[in-house]
């Protein structure tokens, strides 16, 4: 199974756009959280970043290489989106 991941190349455009989106959101959140910490609790930032991480796993991971072998791996992107 390791050989499946050796030739995998991450989609740099997708990864970079998700990271830029996360950085912009985190920067804006930091400013708003400093001004109104009760209205913008930290769990909101955590939830957003977990969503970005989920997108990275579903879209930009080598799951496609093993989806023919395991039905569970094949169905994971469908469940996550």
Protein backbone atom coordinates (compact mmCIF):
# COMPACT_ATOMS: atom_id res chain seq x y z
CA UNK A 1 0.00 0.00 0.00
CA UNK A 2 2.95 2.31 0.57
CA UNK A 3 3.78 2.17 -3.14
CA UNK A 4 0.39 3.73 -3.89
CA UNK A 5 1.39 6.86 -2.00
CA UNK A 6 4.91 7.18 -3.43
CA UNK A 7 3.83 8.41 -6.85
CA UNK A 8 1.01 10.62 -5.55
CA UNK A 9 1.40 14.34 -6.17
CA UNK A 10 -0.88 16.68 -4.22
CA UNK A 11 -2.95 19.11 -6.30
CA UNK A 12 -1.03 22.28 -5.47
CA UNK A 13 -3.74 24.64 -6.72
CA UNK A 14 -6.38 23.08 -4.50
CA UNK A 15 -4.13 22.87 -1.47
CA UNK A 16 -2.90 26.44 -1.86
CA UNK A 17 -6.42 27.86 -2.27
CA UNK A 18 -7.66 26.03 0.82
CA UNK A 19 -4.67 27.26 2.83
CA UNK A 20 -5.15 30.84 1.61
CA UNK A 21 -8.83 30.64 2.52
CA UNK A 22 -7.96 29.36 5.99
CA UNK A 23 -5.37 32.12 6.48
CA UNK A 24 -7.77 34.88 5.43
CA UNK A 25 -10.50 33.52 7.69
CA UNK A 26 -8.11 33.14 10.64
CA UNK A 27 -6.82 36.69 10.21
CA UNK A 28 -10.32 38.16 10.12
CA UNK A 29 -11.43 35.98 12.99
CA UNK A 30 -8.47 37.08 15.12
CA UNK A 31 -9.41 40.75 14.67
CA UNK A 32 -13.09 40.15 15.42
CA UNK A 33 -12.33 37.88 18.37
CA UNK A 34 -10.14 40.59 19.93
CA UNK A 35 -12.98 43.12 19.66
CA UNK A 36 -15.90 40.85 20.57
CA UNK A 37 -14.69 37.63 22.22
CA UNK A 38 -18.17 36.68 23.47
CA UNK A 39 -19.72 36.94 20.02
CA UNK A 40 -16.86 35.15 18.24
CA UNK A 41 -15.71 32.27 20.47
CA UNK A 42 -12.66 30.22 19.56
CA UNK A 43 -14.72 27.12 18.77
CA UNK A 44 -15.94 28.85 15.59
CA UNK A 45 -12.39 29.14 14.28
CA UNK A 46 -11.73 25.54 15.27
CA UNK A 47 -14.86 24.35 13.45
CA UNK A 48 -13.91 26.26 10.29
CA UNK A 49 -10.36 24.90 10.30
CA UNK A 50 -11.68 21.37 10.85
CA UNK A 51 -13.87 21.87 7.79
CA UNK A 52 -10.86 22.96 5.75
CA UNK A 53 -8.94 19.91 6.99
CA UNK A 54 -11.86 17.68 5.99
CA UNK A 55 -11.84 19.19 2.50
CA UNK A 56 -8.11 18.58 2.24
CA UNK A 57 -8.58 14.92 3.14
CA UNK A 58 -11.54 14.48 0.79
CA UNK A 59 -10.17 16.38 -2.20
CA UNK A 60 -6.39 16.58 -1.95
CA UNK A 61 -5.32 13.23 -0.52
CA UNK A 62 -4.29 9.99 -2.21
CA UNK A 63 -7.61 8.32 -1.33
CA UNK A 64 -8.36 8.00 -5.04
CA UNK A 65 -5.53 5.49 -5.43
CA UNK A 66 -7.06 3.02 -2.95
CA UNK A 67 -10.76 3.54 -3.65
CA UNK A 68 -10.92 0.46 -5.87
CA UNK A 69 -9.52 -1.68 -3.07
CA UNK A 70 -11.67 -0.55 -0.19
CA UNK A 71 -15.30 0.49 -0.47
CA UNK A 72 -15.06 2.42 2.78
CA UNK A 73 -12.26 4.58 1.40
CA UNK A 74 -14.21 5.10 -1.80
CA UNK A 75 -17.32 6.30 0.09
CA UNK A 76 -15.51 8.63 2.52
CA UNK A 77 -15.41 11.68 0.18
CA UNK A 78 -19.15 11.27 -0.49
CA UNK A 79 -19.94 11.15 3.21
CA UNK A 80 -17.71 14.14 4.02
CA UNK A 81 -19.08 16.44 1.36
